[in-house]
Amino acid sequence: MNRWVRPARRSRDPLIVRVTDSTGGPLPGQAVTWSVNGGGGAIDPVTASSNSEGLAFAEWILGPSPGLNVVEAQVAGSDAVTF
């Protein structure tokens, strides 16, 4: 996903991941860990619990310089999702 945001600014929309079971059903109460893996910046919160629909949200403040910024979201024991 590409987004255009000025450096050191908060992204207008939150990042969202959906945690599901093997059949695609929502998994509430799962800890999702968010990490900034490129470009600097910050993510809030660093860990979020999925809600009743399996959704977890985080706000992203981009790094101070123009260029690629990368955030990952991961539930323990699963592959990370990259933004």
N, C-alpha and C. Protein backbone atom coordinates (compact mmCIF):
# COMPACT_ATOMS: atom_id res chain seq x y z
N MET A 1 0.85 -1.17 0.00
CA MET A 1 0.00 0.00 0.00
C MET A 1 0.90 1.23 0.00
N ASN A 2 0.62 2.16 -0.87
CA ASN A 2 1.36 3.43 -0.91
C ASN A 2 0.51 4.54 -0.32
N ARG A 3 1.14 5.39 0.45
CA ARG A 3 0.49 6.56 1.04
C ARG A 3 1.41 7.73 0.91
N TRP A 4 0.86 8.88 0.64
CA TRP A 4 1.65 10.11 0.59
C TRP A 4 1.31 10.94 1.81
N VAL A 5 2.29 11.11 2.69
CA VAL A 5 2.13 11.89 3.91
C VAL A 5 3.40 12.70 4.09
N ARG A 6 3.27 13.93 4.51
CA ARG A 6 4.46 14.76 4.77
C ARG A 6 5.29 14.13 5.89
N PRO A 7 6.63 14.27 5.78
CA PRO A 7 7.50 13.73 6.83
C PRO A 7 7.13 14.28 8.22
N ALA A 8 7.31 13.44 9.22
CA ALA A 8 7.08 13.77 10.64
C ALA A 8 5.63 14.13 10.94
N ARG A 9 4.72 13.73 10.09
CA ARG A 9 3.28 13.97 10.33
C ARG A 9 2.56 12.66 10.60
N ARG A 10 1.45 12.78 11.31
CA ARG A 10 0.60 11.62 11.59
C ARG A 10 -0.18 11.27 10.33
N SER A 11 -0.23 9.99 10.03
CA SER A 11 -1.04 9.53 8.91
C SER A 11 -2.51 9.83 9.20
N ARG A 12 -3.24 10.24 8.18
CA ARG A 12 -4.64 10.62 8.36
C ARG A 12 -5.51 9.45 8.84
N ASP A 13 -5.24 8.26 8.31
CA ASP A 13 -6.04 7.08 8.66
C ASP A 13 -5.20 6.11 9.48
N PRO A 14 -5.83 5.41 10.43
CA PRO A 14 -5.06 4.44 11.21
C PRO A 14 -4.68 3.23 10.36
N LEU A 15 -3.65 2.54 10.78
CA LEU A 15 -3.33 1.24 10.19
C LEU A 15 -4.25 0.22 10.84
N ILE A 16 -4.73 -0.74 10.05
CA ILE A 16 -5.68 -1.74 10.56
C ILE A 16 -5.26 -3.12 10.05
N VAL A 17 -5.25 -4.09 10.95
CA VAL A 17 -5.08 -5.49 10.56
C VAL A 17 -6.26 -6.28 11.11
N ARG A 18 -6.57 -7.37 10.43
CA ARG A 18 -7.64 -8.26 10.87
C ARG A 18 -7.01 -9.60 11.22
N VAL A 19 -7.23 -10.04 12.46
CA VAL A 19 -6.70 -11.32 12.94
C VAL A 19 -7.80 -12.36 12.79
N THR A 20 -7.47 -13.46 12.09
CA THR A 20 -8.47 -14.50 11.82
C THR A 20 -7.95 -15.87 12.21
N ASP A 21 -8.89 -16.80 12.36
CA ASP A 21 -8.51 -18.19 12.60
C ASP A 21 -8.34 -18.89 11.24
N SER A 22 -8.12 -20.17 11.25
CA SER A 22 -7.84 -20.92 10.02
C SER A 22 -9.02 -20.96 9.06
N THR A 23 -10.23 -20.66 9.56
CA THR A 23 -11.41 -20.64 8.68
C THR A 23 -11.78 -19.23 8.24
N GLY A 24 -10.98 -18.24 8.65
CA GLY A 24 -11.27 -16.86 8.28
C GLY A 24 -12.14 -16.11 9.26
N GLY A 25 -12.51 -16.76 10.37
CA GLY A 25 -13.33 -16.10 11.39
C GLY A 25 -12.48 -15.17 12.24
N PRO A 26 -13.07 -14.09 12.77
CA PRO A 26 -12.32 -13.13 13.58
C PRO A 26 -11.83 -13.75 14.89
N LEU A 27 -10.63 -13.31 15.31
CA LEU A 27 -10.06 -13.75 16.59
C LEU A 27 -9.92 -12.53 17.50
N PRO A 28 -10.85 -12.33 18.41
CA PRO A 28 -10.72 -11.20 19.34
C PRO A 28 -9.69 -11.47 20.42
N GLY A 29 -9.17 -10.38 21.01
CA GLY A 29 -8.27 -10.49 22.16
C GLY A 29 -6.86 -10.92 21.83
N GLN A 30 -6.48 -10.87 20.57
CA GLN A 30 -5.12 -11.25 20.18
C GLN A 30 -4.20 -10.04 20.24
N ALA A 31 -3.00 -10.22 20.80
CA ALA A 31 -2.03 -9.13 20.89
C ALA A 31 -1.34 -8.97 19.53
N VAL A 32 -1.47 -7.78 18.96
CA VAL A 32 -0.80 -7.44 17.71
C VAL A 32 0.33 -6.48 18.06
N THR A 33 1.55 -6.84 17.69
CA THR A 33 2.72 -6.00 17.94
C THR A 33 3.05 -5.23 16.67
N TRP A 34 3.14 -3.91 16.80
CA TRP A 34 3.46 -3.02 15.69
C TRP A 34 4.90 -2.57 15.84
N SER A 35 5.65 -2.51 14.72
CA SER A 35 7.04 -2.03 14.79
C SER A 35 7.38 -1.22 13.54
N VAL A 36 8.11 -0.13 13.77
CA VAL A 36 8.62 0.70 12.67
C VAL A 36 9.92 0.06 12.21
N ASN A 37 9.98 -0.32 10.94
CA ASN A 37 11.15 -1.03 10.42
C ASN A 37 11.83 -0.30 9.27
N GLY A 38 11.52 0.98 9.11
CA GLY A 38 12.18 1.76 8.08
C GLY A 38 11.70 3.18 8.08
N GLY A 39 12.63 4.13 7.96
CA GLY A 39 12.27 5.53 7.84
C GLY A 39 12.13 6.30 9.14
N GLY A 40 12.25 5.62 10.27
CA GLY A 40 12.06 6.30 11.55
C GLY A 40 10.60 6.47 11.86
N GLY A 41 10.28 7.45 12.66
CA GLY A 41 8.89 7.67 13.03
C GLY A 41 8.48 6.87 14.25
N ALA A 42 7.18 6.78 14.46
CA ALA A 42 6.66 6.11 15.66
C ALA A 42 5.31 5.49 15.36
N ILE A 43 4.93 4.53 16.17
CA ILE A 43 3.64 3.86 16.07
C ILE A 43 3.01 3.85 17.46
N ASP A 44 1.70 4.06 17.53
CA ASP A 44 1.02 4.12 18.82
C ASP A 44 -0.34 3.45 18.70
N PRO A 45 -0.60 2.42 19.48
CA PRO A 45 0.26 1.80 20.50
C PRO A 45 1.22 0.81 19.85
N VAL A 46 2.22 0.40 20.60
CA VAL A 46 3.17 -0.59 20.11
C VAL A 46 2.51 -1.97 20.10
N THR A 47 1.63 -2.22 21.06
CA THR A 47 0.86 -3.46 21.10
C THR A 47 -0.62 -3.12 21.25
N ALA A 48 -1.44 -3.74 20.41
CA ALA A 48 -2.89 -3.51 20.46
C ALA A 48 -3.60 -4.86 20.46
N SER A 49 -4.73 -4.95 21.14
CA SER A 49 -5.53 -6.17 21.14
C SER A 49 -6.60 -6.09 20.06
N SER A 50 -6.81 -7.21 19.39
CA SER A 50 -7.86 -7.24 18.37
C SER A 50 -9.23 -7.17 19.05
N ASN A 51 -10.16 -6.48 18.40
CA ASN A 51 -11.51 -6.32 18.96
C ASN A 51 -12.40 -7.50 18.59
N SER A 52 -13.68 -7.39 18.84
CA SER A 52 -14.62 -8.50 18.60
C SER A 52 -14.70 -8.89 17.13
N GLU A 53 -14.31 -7.99 16.24
CA GLU A 53 -14.30 -8.29 14.80
C GLU A 53 -12.91 -8.75 14.33
N GLY A 54 -11.98 -8.91 15.28
CA GLY A 54 -10.63 -9.32 14.95
C GLY A 54 -9.74 -8.19 14.47
N LEU A 55 -10.21 -6.94 14.58
CA LEU A 55 -9.46 -5.79 14.08
C LEU A 55 -8.59 -5.17 15.17
N ALA A 56 -7.37 -4.79 14.77
CA ALA A 56 -6.45 -4.06 15.66
C ALA A 56 -5.99 -2.81 14.92
N PHE A 57 -5.87 -1.71 15.63
CA PHE A 57 -5.59 -0.41 15.04
C PHE A 57 -4.32 0.20 15.64
N ALA A 58 -3.65 1.03 14.83
CA ALA A 58 -2.50 1.80 15.33
C ALA A 58 -2.40 3.10 14.54
N GLU A 59 -1.90 4.14 15.20
CA GLU A 59 -1.63 5.42 14.53
C GLU A 59 -0.16 5.47 14.20
N TRP A 60 0.15 6.05 13.03
CA TRP A 60 1.52 6.07 12.52
C TRP A 60 1.96 7.49 12.32
N ILE A 61 3.08 7.86 12.95
CA ILE A 61 3.72 9.16 12.69
C ILE A 61 4.95 8.86 11.85
N LEU A 62 4.99 9.43 10.65
CA LEU A 62 6.06 9.15 9.70
C LEU A 62 7.39 9.70 10.19
N GLY A 63 8.47 9.17 9.63
CA GLY A 63 9.82 9.61 9.96
C GLY A 63 10.08 11.04 9.51
N PRO A 64 11.21 11.60 9.94
CA PRO A 64 11.50 13.02 9.72
C PRO A 64 11.94 13.38 8.31
N SER A 65 12.32 12.40 7.49
CA SER A 65 12.84 12.69 6.15
C SER A 65 11.96 12.06 5.08
N PRO A 66 11.87 12.69 3.91
CA PRO A 66 11.12 12.08 2.81
C PRO A 66 11.73 10.72 2.44
N GLY A 67 10.90 9.82 1.99
CA GLY A 67 11.38 8.51 1.57
C GLY A 67 10.51 7.40 2.10
N LEU A 68 10.97 6.19 1.89
CA LEU A 68 10.22 5.01 2.28
C LEU A 68 10.14 4.88 3.80
N ASN A 69 8.93 4.63 4.29
CA ASN A 69 8.69 4.34 5.70
C ASN A 69 8.01 2.97 5.75
N VAL A 70 8.38 2.14 6.71
CA VAL A 70 7.85 0.78 6.79
C VAL A 70 7.42 0.47 8.21
N VAL A 71 6.21 -0.13 8.33
CA VAL A 71 5.70 -0.61 9.61
C VAL A 71 5.27 -2.06 9.41
N GLU A 72 5.50 -2.89 10.44
CA GLU A 72 5.02 -4.26 10.41
C GLU A 72 4.09 -4.51 11.59
N ALA A 73 3.11 -5.37 11.37
CA ALA A 73 2.21 -5.82 12.41
C ALA A 73 2.31 -7.33 12.48
N GLN A 74 2.36 -7.86 13.72
CA GLN A 74 2.51 -9.30 13.85
C GLN A 74 1.84 -9.82 15.11
N VAL A 75 1.22 -10.99 14.98
CA VAL A 75 0.71 -11.74 16.11
C VAL A 75 1.70 -12.88 16.33
N ALA A 76 2.04 -13.15 17.58
CA ALA A 76 3.01 -14.22 17.88
C ALA A 76 2.63 -15.51 17.17
N GLY A 77 3.62 -16.12 16.52
CA GLY A 77 3.38 -17.40 15.84
C GLY A 77 2.85 -17.26 14.43
N SER A 78 2.75 -16.05 13.92
CA SER A 78 2.25 -15.86 12.55
C SER A 78 3.19 -14.96 11.77
N ASP A 79 2.99 -14.89 10.47
CA ASP A 79 3.79 -14.02 9.62
C ASP A 79 3.42 -12.57 9.84
N ALA A 80 4.38 -11.68 9.65
CA ALA A 80 4.13 -10.24 9.79
C ALA A 80 3.42 -9.71 8.54
N VAL A 81 2.67 -8.63 8.74
CA VAL A 81 2.04 -7.87 7.66
C VAL A 81 2.81 -6.58 7.54
N THR A 82 3.21 -6.20 6.32
CA THR A 82 4.01 -5.02 6.11
C THR A 82 3.19 -3.91 5.47
N PHE A 83 3.34 -2.70 6.01
CA PHE A 83 2.70 -1.50 5.45
C PHE A 83 3.78 -0.60 4.89
